[in-house]
């Protein structure tokens, strides 16, 4: 019975930590860049786009396709950084949890 109470308390603590974690990641941002910084995309760790910056030199009629490619590349760069940061934060948060070998959080 004592173990069950301990598990319940640990689950409640984990739920609180998860809520704090969700709040933090919705505020944290990463930037993806392409074209030597001519296009910058800012995303939250949840993947919401918060900003897009385009160098004015790219606004020429003949460079629309290039601009589209640079926007996609910058977005993909930001998304990869967000995933890496999210995984690092998750590992920090779940450090010390008694998870079976090979099991990762979230399940």
PDB file of N, CA and C in Angstrom:
ATOM      1  N   UNK A   1       0.827  -1.201   0.000  1.00  0.00           N
ATOM      2  CA  UNK A   1       0.000   0.000   0.000  1.00  0.00           C
ATOM      3  C   UNK A   1       0.870   1.264   0.000  1.00  0.00           C
ATOM      4  N   UNK A   2       1.979   1.171   0.736  1.00  0.00           N
ATOM      5  CA  UNK A   2       2.883   2.311   0.805  1.00  0.00           C
ATOM      6  C   UNK A   2       3.458   2.633  -0.576  1.00  0.00           C
ATOM      7  N   UNK A   3       3.799   1.589  -1.356  1.00  0.00           N
ATOM      8  CA  UNK A   3       4.326   1.785  -2.704  1.00  0.00           C
ATOM      9  C   UNK A   3       3.295   2.434  -3.617  1.00  0.00           C
ATOM     10  N   UNK A   4       2.033   2.056  -3.458  1.00  0.00           N
ATOM     11  CA  UNK A   4       0.964   2.624  -4.281  1.00  0.00           C
ATOM     12  C   UNK A   4       0.826   4.119  -4.010  1.00  0.00           C
ATOM     13  N   UNK A   5       0.898   4.496  -2.750  1.00  0.00           N
ATOM     14  CA  UNK A   5       0.801   5.924  -2.392  1.00  0.00           C
ATOM     15  C   UNK A   5       1.999   6.697  -2.967  1.00  0.00           C
ATOM     16  N   UNK A   6       3.169   6.077  -2.907  1.00  0.00           N
ATOM     17  CA  UNK A   6       4.358   6.718  -3.464  1.00  0.00           C
ATOM     18  C   UNK A   6       4.236   6.898  -4.962  1.00  0.00           C
ATOM     19  N   UNK A   7       3.681   5.898  -5.646  1.00  0.00           N
ATOM     20  CA  UNK A   7       3.490   5.980  -7.089  1.00  0.00           C
ATOM     21  C   UNK A   7       2.470   7.056  -7.438  1.00  0.00           C
ATOM     22  N   UNK A   8       1.428   7.165  -6.648  1.00  0.00           N
ATOM     23  CA  UNK A   8       0.397   8.195  -6.885  1.00  0.00           C
ATOM     24  C   UNK A   8       1.008   9.585  -6.726  1.00  0.00           C
ATOM     25  N   UNK A   9       1.810   9.750  -5.686  1.00  0.00           N
ATOM     26  CA  UNK A   9       2.446  11.047  -5.461  1.00  0.00           C
ATOM     27  C   UNK A   9       3.403  11.379  -6.606  1.00  0.00           C
ATOM     28  N   UNK A  10       4.171  10.389  -7.055  1.00  0.00           N
ATOM     29  CA  UNK A  10       5.112  10.597  -8.166  1.00  0.00           C
ATOM     30  C   UNK A  10       4.358  10.956  -9.445  1.00  0.00           C
ATOM     31  N   UNK A  11       3.209  10.316  -9.669  1.00  0.00           N
ATOM     32  CA  UNK A  11       2.412  10.614 -10.864  1.00  0.00           C
ATOM     33  C   UNK A  11       1.880  12.048 -10.817  1.00  0.00           C
ATOM     34  N   UNK A  12       1.449  12.500  -9.653  1.00  0.00           N
ATOM     35  CA  UNK A  12       0.961  13.875  -9.509  1.00  0.00           C
ATOM     36  C   UNK A  12       2.098  14.876  -9.747  1.00  0.00           C
ATOM     37  N   UNK A  13       3.272  14.564  -9.209  1.00  0.00           N
ATOM     38  CA  UNK A  13       4.421  15.441  -9.421  1.00  0.00           C
ATOM     39  C   UNK A  13       4.771  15.507 -10.908  1.00  0.00           C
ATOM     40  N   UNK A  14       4.733  14.352 -11.562  1.00  0.00           N
ATOM     41  CA  UNK A  14       5.039  14.296 -12.986  1.00  0.00           C
ATOM     42  C   UNK A  14       4.020  15.106 -13.787  1.00  0.00           C
ATOM     43  N   UNK A  15       2.769  15.027 -13.407  1.00  0.00           N
ATOM     44  CA  UNK A  15       1.727  15.791 -14.108  1.00  0.00           C
ATOM     45  C   UNK A  15       1.997  17.288 -13.972  1.00  0.00           C
ATOM     46  N   UNK A  16       2.377  17.720 -12.790  1.00  0.00           N
ATOM     47  CA  UNK A  16       2.713  19.131 -12.580  1.00  0.00           C
ATOM     48  C   UNK A  16       3.909  19.550 -13.406  1.00  0.00           C
ATOM     49  N   UNK A  17       4.934  18.684 -13.456  1.00  0.00           N
ATOM     50  CA  UNK A  17       6.121  18.986 -14.259  1.00  0.00           C
ATOM     51  C   UNK A  17       5.774  19.053 -15.738  1.00  0.00           C
ATOM     52  N   UNK A  18       4.885  18.181 -16.189  1.00  0.00           N
ATOM     53  CA  UNK A  18       4.472  18.198 -17.595  1.00  0.00           C
ATOM     54  C   UNK A  18       3.741  19.496 -17.942  1.00  0.00           C
ATOM     55  N   UNK A  19       2.880  19.964 -17.048  1.00  0.00           N
ATOM     56  CA  UNK A  19       2.167  21.218 -17.297  1.00  0.00           C
ATOM     57  C   UNK A  19       3.144  22.383 -17.385  1.00  0.00           C
ATOM     58  N   UNK A  20       4.132  22.414 -16.489  1.00  0.00           N
ATOM     59  CA  UNK A  20       5.149  23.461 -16.541  1.00  0.00           C
ATOM     60  C   UNK A  20       5.944  23.366 -17.832  1.00  0.00           C
ATOM     61  N   UNK A  21       6.276  22.137 -18.210  1.00  0.00           N
ATOM     62  CA  UNK A  21       7.031  21.893 -19.430  1.00  0.00           C
ATOM     63  C   UNK A  21       6.269  22.390 -20.656  1.00  0.00           C
ATOM     64  N   UNK A  22       4.980  22.085 -20.744  1.00  0.00           N
ATOM     65  CA  UNK A  22       4.160  22.530 -21.870  1.00  0.00           C
ATOM     66  C   UNK A  22       4.128  24.054 -21.952  1.00  0.00           C
ATOM     67  N   UNK A  23       4.014  24.709 -20.800  1.00  0.00           N
ATOM     68  CA  UNK A  23       3.993  26.173 -20.787  1.00  0.00           C
ATOM     69  C   UNK A  23       5.329  26.740 -21.273  1.00  0.00           C
ATOM     70  N   UNK A  24       6.434  26.140 -20.833  1.00  0.00           N
ATOM     71  CA  UNK A  24       7.758  26.624 -21.233  1.00  0.00           C
ATOM     72  C   UNK A  24       7.990  26.467 -22.730  1.00  0.00           C
ATOM     73  N   UNK A  25       7.660  25.289 -23.263  1.00  0.00           N
ATOM     74  CA  UNK A  25       7.967  25.064 -24.675  1.00  0.00           C
ATOM     75  C   UNK A  25       7.102  25.899 -25.605  1.00  0.00           C
ATOM     76  N   UNK A  26       5.930  26.305 -25.139  1.00  0.00           N
ATOM     77  CA  UNK A  26       5.101  27.145 -26.003  1.00  0.00           C
ATOM     78  C   UNK A  26       5.665  28.564 -26.102  1.00  0.00           C
ATOM     79  N   UNK A  27       6.553  28.923 -25.176  1.00  0.00           N
ATOM     80  CA  UNK A  27       7.175  30.249 -25.193  1.00  0.00           C
ATOM     81  C   UNK A  27       8.561  30.236 -25.825  1.00  0.00           C
ATOM     82  N   UNK A  28       9.228  29.082 -25.815  1.00  0.00           N
ATOM     83  CA  UNK A  28      10.586  28.991 -26.349  1.00  0.00           C
ATOM     84  C   UNK A  28      10.567  28.981 -27.876  1.00  0.00           C
ATOM     85  N   UNK A  29      11.550  29.643 -28.478  1.00  0.00           N
ATOM     86  CA  UNK A  29      11.617  29.700 -29.941  1.00  0.00           C
ATOM     87  C   UNK A  29      13.001  29.304 -30.443  1.00  0.00           C
ATOM     88  N   UNK A  30      13.030  28.886 -31.687  1.00  0.00           N
ATOM     89  CA  UNK A  30      14.270  28.612 -32.408  1.00  0.00           C
ATOM     90  C   UNK A  30      14.176  29.317 -33.753  1.00  0.00           C
ATOM     91  N   UNK A  31      15.341  29.614 -34.336  1.00  0.00           N
ATOM     92  CA  UNK A  31      15.368  30.250 -35.649  1.00  0.00           C
ATOM     93  C   UNK A  31      16.035  29.322 -36.648  1.00  0.00           C
ATOM     94  N   UNK A  32      15.420  29.227 -37.811  1.00  0.00           N
ATOM     95  CA  UNK A  32      16.010  28.505 -38.927  1.00  0.00           C
ATOM     96  C   UNK A  32      16.395  29.514 -39.982  1.00  0.00           C
ATOM     97  N   UNK A  33      17.534  29.289 -40.619  1.00  0.00           N
ATOM     98  CA  UNK A  33      18.025  30.236 -41.622  1.00  0.00           C
ATOM     99  C   UNK A  33      18.371  29.507 -42.906  1.00  0.00           C
ATOM    100  N   UNK A  34      18.266  30.240 -44.002  1.00  0.00           N
ATOM    101  CA  UNK A  34      18.695  29.718 -45.298  1.00  0.00           C
ATOM    102  C   UNK A  34      19.202  30.871 -46.138  1.00  0.00           C
ATOM    103  N   UNK A  35      19.881  30.524 -47.236  1.00  0.00           N
ATOM    104  CA  UNK A  35      20.398  31.572 -48.122  1.00  0.00           C
ATOM    105  C   UNK A  35      21.358  32.494 -47.413  1.00  0.00           C
ATOM    106  N   UNK A  36      22.253  31.934 -46.615  1.00  0.00           N
ATOM    107  CA  UNK A  36      23.235  32.726 -45.850  1.00  0.00           C
ATOM    108  C   UNK A  36      22.550  33.779 -44.980  1.00  0.00           C
ATOM    109  N   UNK A  37      21.406  33.401 -44.415  1.00  0.00           N
ATOM    110  CA  UNK A  37      20.690  34.302 -43.514  1.00  0.00           C
ATOM    111  C   UNK A  37      19.731  35.256 -44.198  1.00  0.00           C
ATOM    112  N   UNK A  38      19.524  35.093 -45.489  1.00  0.00           N
ATOM    113  CA  UNK A  38      18.615  35.997 -46.201  1.00  0.00           C
ATOM    114  C   UNK A  38      17.158  35.706 -45.864  1.00  0.00           C
ATOM    115  N   UNK A  39      16.870  34.470 -45.414  1.00  0.00           N
ATOM    116  CA  UNK A  39      15.531  34.110 -44.972  1.00  0.00           C
ATOM    117  C   UNK A  39      15.657  33.495 -43.583  1.00  0.00           C
ATOM    118  N   UNK A  40      14.854  33.999 -42.645  1.00  0.00           N
ATOM    119  CA  UNK A  40      14.846  33.483 -41.280  1.00  0.00           C
ATOM    120  C   UNK A  40      13.415  33.157 -40.888  1.00  0.00           C
ATOM    121  N   UNK A  41      13.229  31.951 -40.326  1.00  0.00           N
ATOM    122  CA  UNK A  41      11.925  31.523 -39.827  1.00  0.00           C
ATOM    123  C   UNK A  41      12.062  31.286 -38.324  1.00  0.00           C
ATOM    124  N   UNK A  42      11.138  31.821 -37.546  1.00  0.00           N
ATOM    125  CA  UNK A  42      11.124  31.612 -36.109  1.00  0.00           C
ATOM    126  C   UNK A  42       9.936  30.730 -35.749  1.00  0.00           C
ATOM    127  N   UNK A  43      10.216  29.617 -35.043  1.00  0.00           N
ATOM    128  CA  UNK A  43       9.178  28.682 -34.610  1.00  0.00           C
ATOM    129  C   UNK A  43       9.241  28.481 -33.108  1.00  0.00           C
ATOM    130  N   UNK A  44       8.080  28.180 -32.507  1.00  0.00           N
ATOM    131  CA  UNK A  44       8.089  27.721 -31.124  1.00  0.00           C
ATOM    132  C   UNK A  44       8.517  26.256 -31.152  1.00  0.00           C
ATOM    133  N   UNK A  45       8.842  25.705 -29.997  1.00  0.00           N
ATOM    134  CA  UNK A  45       9.220  24.291 -29.944  1.00  0.00           C
ATOM    135  C   UNK A  45       8.042  23.393 -30.289  1.00  0.00           C
ATOM    136  N   UNK A  46       6.840  23.935 -30.221  1.00  0.00           N
ATOM    137  CA  UNK A  46       5.664  23.166 -30.626  1.00  0.00           C
ATOM    138  C   UNK A  46       5.452  23.227 -32.137  1.00  0.00           C
ATOM    139  N   UNK A  47       6.227  24.053 -32.829  1.00  0.00           N
ATOM    140  CA  UNK A  47       6.141  24.128 -34.283  1.00  0.00           C
ATOM    141  C   UNK A  47       5.300  25.265 -34.818  1.00  0.00           C
ATOM    142  N   UNK A  48       4.821  26.148 -33.960  1.00  0.00           N
ATOM    143  CA  UNK A  48       4.043  27.300 -34.422  1.00  0.00           C
ATOM    144  C   UNK A  48       4.994  28.363 -34.962  1.00  0.00           C
ATOM    145  N   UNK A  49       4.713  28.860 -36.171  1.00  0.00           N
ATOM    146  CA  UNK A  49       5.566  29.885 -36.760  1.00  0.00           C
ATOM    147  C   UNK A  49       5.249  31.234 -36.107  1.00  0.00           C
ATOM    148  N   UNK A  50       6.300  31.858 -35.598  1.00  0.00           N
ATOM    149  CA  UNK A  50       6.141  33.152 -34.933  1.00  0.00           C
ATOM    150  C   UNK A  50       6.702  34.301 -35.752  1.00  0.00           C
ATOM    151  N   UNK A  51       7.539  33.998 -36.725  1.00  0.00           N
ATOM    152  CA  UNK A  51       8.112  35.081 -37.503  1.00  0.00           C
ATOM    153  C   UNK A  51       8.743  34.595 -38.790  1.00  0.00           C
ATOM    154  N   UNK A  52       8.804  35.499 -39.733  1.00  0.00           N
ATOM    155  CA  UNK A  52       9.437  35.249 -41.029  1.00  0.00           C
ATOM    156  C   UNK A  52      10.108  36.551 -41.443  1.00  0.00           C
ATOM    157  N   UNK A  53      11.412  36.495 -41.703  1.00  0.00           N
ATOM    158  CA  UNK A  53      12.158  37.667 -42.139  1.00  0.00           C
ATOM    159  C   UNK A  53      12.799  37.347 -43.483  1.00  0.00           C
ATOM    160  N   UNK A  54      12.603  38.239 -44.436  1.00  0.00           N
ATOM    161  CA  UNK A  54      13.139  38.040 -45.776  1.00  0.00           C
ATOM    162  C   UNK A  54      13.947  39.278 -46.162  1.00  0.00           C
ATOM    163  N   UNK A  55      15.173  39.057 -46.599  1.00  0.00           N
ATOM    164  CA  UNK A  55      16.025  40.151 -47.054  1.00  0.00           C
ATOM    165  C   UNK A  55      15.363  40.806 -48.268  1.00  0.00           C
ATOM    166  N   UNK A  56      15.212  42.128 -48.273  1.00  0.00           N
ATOM    167  CA  UNK A  56      14.543  42.832 -49.380  1.00  0.00           C
ATOM    168  C   UNK A  56      15.169  42.576 -50.749  1.00  0.00           C
ATOM    169  N   UNK A  57      16.451  42.198 -50.792  1.00  0.00           N
ATOM    170  CA  UNK A  57      17.099  41.923 -52.081  1.00  0.00           C
ATOM    171  C   UNK A  57      16.471  40.725 -52.799  1.00  0.00           C
ATOM    172  N   UNK A  58      15.743  39.896 -52.066  1.00  0.00           N
ATOM    173  CA  UNK A  58      15.111  38.721 -52.674  1.00  0.00           C
ATOM    174  C   UNK A  58      13.784  39.046 -53.350  1.00  0.00           C
ATOM    175  N   UNK A  59      13.298  40.270 -53.210  1.00  0.00           N
ATOM    176  CA  UNK A  59      12.017  40.641 -53.803  1.00  0.00           C
ATOM    177  C   UNK A  59      12.182  41.152 -55.230  1.00  0.00           C
ATOM    178  N   UNK A  60      12.516  40.232 -56.088  1.00  0.00           N
ATOM    179  CA  UNK A  60      12.642  40.549 -57.514  1.00  0.00           C
ATOM    180  C   UNK A  60      11.792  39.541 -58.264  1.00  0.00           C
ATOM    181  N   UNK A  61      11.209  39.970 -59.353  1.00  0.00           N
ATOM    182  CA  UNK A  61      10.288  39.114 -60.107  1.00  0.00           C
ATOM    183  C   UNK A  61      10.886  37.772 -60.484  1.00  0.00           C
ATOM    184  N   UNK A  62      12.143  37.760 -60.864  1.00  0.00           N
ATOM    185  CA  UNK A  62      12.743  36.518 -61.340  1.00  0.00           C
ATOM    186  C   UNK A  62      13.235  35.605 -60.208  1.00  0.00           C
ATOM    187  N   UNK A  63      13.088  36.011 -58.964  1.00  0.00           N
ATOM    188  CA  UNK A  63      13.585  35.182 -57.863  1.00  0.00           C
ATOM    189  C   UNK A  63      12.480  34.613 -56.980  1.00  0.00           C
ATOM    190  N   UNK A  64      11.253  34.549 -57.486  1.00  0.00           N
ATOM    191  CA  UNK A  64      10.144  34.007 -56.701  1.00  0.00           C
ATOM    192  C   UNK A  64      10.399  32.547 -56.336  1.00  0.00           C
ATOM    193  N   UNK A  65      10.816  31.739 -57.300  1.00  0.00           N
ATOM    194  CA  UNK A  65      11.070  30.321 -57.027  1.00  0.00           C
ATOM    195  C   UNK A  65      12.203  30.146 -56.016  1.00  0.00           C
ATOM    196  N   UNK A  66      13.231  30.955 -56.136  1.00  0.00           N
ATOM    197  CA  UNK A  66      14.346  30.897 -55.190  1.00  0.00           C
ATOM    198  C   UNK A  66      13.853  31.269 -53.793  1.00  0.00           C
ATOM    199  N   UNK A  67      13.057  32.317 -53.712  1.00  0.00           N
ATOM    200  CA  UNK A  67      12.515  32.749 -52.429  1.00  0.00           C
ATOM    201  C   UNK A  67      11.664  31.660 -51.798  1.00  0.00           C
ATOM    202  N   UNK A  68      10.813  31.026 -52.578  1.00  0.00           N
ATOM    203  CA  UNK A  68       9.985  29.934 -52.053  1.00  0.00           C
ATOM    204  C   UNK A  68      10.852  28.803 -51.509  1.00  0.00           C
ATOM    205  N   UNK A  69      11.895  28.445 -52.236  1.00  0.00           N
ATOM    206  CA  UNK A  69      12.800  27.384 -51.782  1.00  0.00           C
ATOM    207  C   UNK A  69      13.519  27.776 -50.490  1.00  0.00           C
ATOM    208  N   UNK A  70      13.923  29.037 -50.395  1.00  0.00           N
ATOM    209  CA  UNK A  70      14.623  29.501 -49.196  1.00  0.00           C
ATOM    210  C   UNK A  70      13.699  29.513 -47.978  1.00  0.00           C
ATOM    211  N   UNK A  71      12.444  29.870 -48.182  1.00  0.00           N
ATOM    212  CA  UNK A  71      11.483  29.861 -47.071  1.00  0.00           C
ATOM    213  C   UNK A  71      11.291  28.432 -46.570  1.00  0.00           C
ATOM    214  N   UNK A  72      11.122  27.498 -47.504  1.00  0.00           N
ATOM    215  CA  UNK A  72      10.969  26.091 -47.101  1.00  0.00           C
ATOM    216  C   UNK A  72      12.210  25.583 -46.375  1.00  0.00           C
ATOM    217  N   UNK A  73      13.378  25.913 -46.875  1.00  0.00           N
ATOM    218  CA  UNK A  73      14.617  25.467 -46.249  1.00  0.00           C
ATOM    219  C   UNK A  73      14.772  26.047 -44.843  1.00  0.00           C
ATOM    220  N   UNK A  74      14.447  27.322 -44.675  1.00  0.00           N
ATOM    221  CA  UNK A  74      14.544  27.952 -43.360  1.00  0.00           C
ATOM    222  C   UNK A  74      13.544  27.330 -42.392  1.00  0.00           C
ATOM    223  N   UNK A  75      12.344  27.047 -42.876  1.00  0.00           N
ATOM    224  CA  UNK A  75      11.332  26.413 -42.023  1.00  0.00           C
ATOM    225  C   UNK A  75      11.806  25.024 -41.592  1.00  0.00           C
ATOM    226  N   UNK A  76      12.328  24.248 -42.523  1.00  0.00           N
ATOM    227  CA  UNK A  76      12.807  22.910 -42.189  1.00  0.00           C
ATOM    228  C   UNK A  76      13.979  22.954 -41.207  1.00  0.00           C
ATOM    229  N   UNK A  77      14.843  23.945 -41.357  1.00  0.00           N
ATOM    230  CA  UNK A  77      15.961  24.121 -40.432  1.00  0.00           C
ATOM    231  C   UNK A  77      15.441  24.430 -39.032  1.00  0.00           C
ATOM    232  N   UNK A  78      14.478  25.335 -38.937  1.00  0.00           N
ATOM    233  CA  UNK A  78      13.897  25.692 -37.637  1.00  0.00           C
ATOM    234  C   UNK A  78      13.183  24.490 -37.020  1.00  0.00           C
ATOM    235  N   UNK A  79      12.451  23.724 -37.833  1.00  0.00           N
ATOM    236  CA  UNK A  79      11.729  22.564 -37.311  1.00  0.00           C
ATOM    237  C   UNK A  79      12.702  21.526 -36.751  1.00  0.00           C
ATOM    238  N   UNK A  80      13.800  21.287 -37.444  1.00  0.00           N
ATOM    239  CA  UNK A  80      14.803  20.331 -36.963  1.00  0.00           C
ATOM    240  C   UNK A  80      15.405  20.804 -35.643  1.00  0.00           C
ATOM    241  N   UNK A  81      15.681  22.098 -35.534  1.00  0.00           N
ATOM    242  CA  UNK A  81      16.219  22.642 -34.283  1.00  0.00           C
ATOM    243  C   UNK A  81      15.201  22.531 -33.158  1.00  0.00           C
ATOM    244  N   UNK A  82      13.932  22.767 -33.468  1.00  0.00           N
ATOM    245  CA  UNK A  82      12.874  22.665 -32.458  1.00  0.00           C
ATOM    246  C   UNK A  82      12.761  21.230 -31.955  1.00  0.00           C
ATOM    247  N   UNK A  83      12.829  20.259 -32.856  1.00  0.00           N
ATOM    248  CA  UNK A  83      12.741  18.854 -32.454  1.00  0.00           C
ATOM    249  C   UNK A  83      13.923  18.468 -31.567  1.00  0.00           C
ATOM    250  N   UNK A  84      15.118  18.922 -31.937  1.00  0.00           N
ATOM    251  CA  UNK A  84      16.308  18.631 -31.141  1.00  0.00           C
ATOM    252  C   UNK A  84      16.189  19.231 -29.753  1.00  0.00           C
ATOM    253  N   UNK A  85      15.760  20.488 -29.679  1.00  0.00           N
ATOM    254  CA  UNK A  85      15.609  21.165 -28.386  1.00  0.00           C
ATOM    255  C   UNK A  85      14.527  20.501 -27.546  1.00  0.00           C
ATOM    256  N   UNK A  86      13.418  20.131 -28.184  1.00  0.00           N
ATOM    257  CA  UNK A  86      12.319  19.474 -27.479  1.00  0.00           C
ATOM    258  C   UNK A  86      12.796  18.152 -26.882  1.00  0.00           C
ATOM    259  N   UNK A  87      13.531  17.365 -27.655  1.00  0.00           N
ATOM    260  CA  UNK A  87      14.038  16.087 -27.158  1.00  0.00           C
ATOM    261  C   UNK A  87      14.990  16.286 -25.988  1.00  0.00           C
ATOM    262  N   UNK A  88      15.847  17.298 -26.071  1.00  0.00           N
ATOM    263  CA  UNK A  88      16.779  17.582 -24.983  1.00  0.00           C
ATOM    264  C   UNK A  88      16.026  17.976 -23.718  1.00  0.00           C
ATOM    265  N   UNK A  89      15.008  18.814 -23.867  1.00  0.00           N
ATOM    266  CA  UNK A  89      14.215  19.241 -22.705  1.00  0.00           C
ATOM    267  C   UNK A  89      13.454  18.076 -22.100  1.00  0.00           C
ATOM    268  N   UNK A  90      12.932  17.185 -22.951  1.00  0.00           N
ATOM    269  CA  UNK A  90      12.203  16.010 -22.462  1.00  0.00           C
ATOM    270  C   UNK A  90      13.134  15.111 -21.667  1.00  0.00           C
ATOM    271  N   UNK A  91      14.359  14.925 -22.159  1.00  0.00           N
ATOM    272  CA  UNK A  91      15.303  14.085 -21.439  1.00  0.00           C
ATOM    273  C   UNK A  91      15.652  14.688 -20.085  1.00  0.00           C
ATOM    274  N   UNK A  92      15.793  16.015 -20.035  1.00  0.00           N
ATOM    275  CA  UNK A  92      16.044  16.689 -18.757  1.00  0.00           C
ATOM    276  C   UNK A  92      14.907  16.433 -17.790  1.00  0.00           C
ATOM    277  N   UNK A  93      13.689  16.576 -18.304  1.00  0.00           N
ATOM    278  CA  UNK A  93      12.513  16.452 -17.443  1.00  0.00           C
ATOM    279  C   UNK A  93      12.317  15.035 -16.940  1.00  0.00           C
ATOM    280  N   UNK A  94      12.613  14.050 -17.772  1.00  0.00           N
ATOM    281  CA  UNK A  94      12.359  12.664 -17.380  1.00  0.00           C
ATOM    282  C   UNK A  94      13.574  12.005 -16.738  1.00  0.00           C
ATOM    283  N   UNK A  95      14.662  12.740 -16.588  1.00  0.00           N
ATOM    284  CA  UNK A  95      15.844  12.182 -15.932  1.00  0.00           C
ATOM    285  C   UNK A  95      15.479  11.755 -14.515  1.00  0.00           C
ATOM    286  N   UNK A  96      15.886  10.570 -14.164  1.00  0.00           N
ATOM    287  CA  UNK A  96      15.599  10.080 -12.818  1.00  0.00           C
ATOM    288  C   UNK A  96      14.300   9.319 -12.689  1.00  0.00           C
ATOM    289  N   UNK A  97      13.474   9.326 -13.737  1.00  0.00           N
ATOM    290  CA  UNK A  97      12.247   8.543 -13.672  1.00  0.00           C
ATOM    291  C   UNK A  97      12.592   7.068 -13.812  1.00  0.00           C
ATOM    292  N   UNK A  98      11.928   6.219 -13.081  1.00  0.00           N
ATOM    293  CA  UNK A  98      12.227   4.787 -13.154  1.00  0.00           C
ATOM    294  C   UNK A  98      11.590   4.138 -14.382  1.00  0.00           C
ATOM    295  N   UNK A  99      12.103   4.453 -15.571  1.00  0.00           N
ATOM    296  CA  UNK A  99      11.577   3.867 -16.812  1.00  0.00           C
ATOM    297  C   UNK A  99      12.344   2.582 -17.122  1.00  0.00           C
ATOM    298  N   UNK A 100      11.659   1.563 -17.608  1.00  0.00           N
ATOM    299  CA  UNK A 100      12.340   0.332 -17.994  1.00  0.00           C
ATOM    300  C   UNK A 100      13.357   0.596 -19.109  1.00  0.00           C
ATOM    301  N   UNK A 101      14.420  -0.209 -19.196  1.00  0.00           N
ATOM    302  CA  UNK A 101      15.425  -0.017 -20.235  1.00  0.00           C
ATOM    303  C   UNK A 101      14.811  -0.007 -21.630  1.00  0.00           C
ATOM    304  N   UNK A 102      15.220   0.937 -22.448  1.00  0.00           N
ATOM    305  CA  UNK A 102      14.725   1.032 -23.814  1.00  0.00           C
ATOM    306  C   UNK A 102      13.441   1.822 -23.954  1.00  0.00           C
ATOM    307  N   UNK A 103      12.722   2.106 -22.870  1.00  0.00           N
ATOM    308  CA  UNK A 103      11.483   2.873 -22.944  1.00  0.00           C
ATOM    309  C   UNK A 103      11.799   4.346 -22.864  1.00  0.00           C
ATOM    310  N   UNK A 104      11.192   5.097 -23.729  1.00  0.00           N
ATOM    311  CA  UNK A 104      11.396   6.547 -23.745  1.00  0.00           C
ATOM    312  C   UNK A 104      10.090   7.232 -23.427  1.00  0.00           C
ATOM    313  N   UNK A 105      10.196   8.450 -22.912  1.00  0.00           N
ATOM    314  CA  UNK A 105       9.020   9.255 -22.586  1.00  0.00           C
ATOM    315  C   UNK A 105       8.910  10.323 -23.648  1.00  0.00           C
ATOM    316  N   UNK A 106       7.758  10.656 -24.180  1.00  0.00           N
ATOM    317  CA  UNK A 106       6.461  10.087 -23.856  1.00  0.00           C
ATOM    318  C   UNK A 106       6.313   8.709 -24.476  1.00  0.00           C
ATOM    319  N   UNK A 107       5.483   7.909 -23.863  1.00  0.00           N
ATOM    320  CA  UNK A 107       5.331   6.505 -24.235  1.00  0.00           C
ATOM    321  C   UNK A 107       4.680   6.442 -25.547  1.00  0.00           C
TER     322      UNK A 107
END
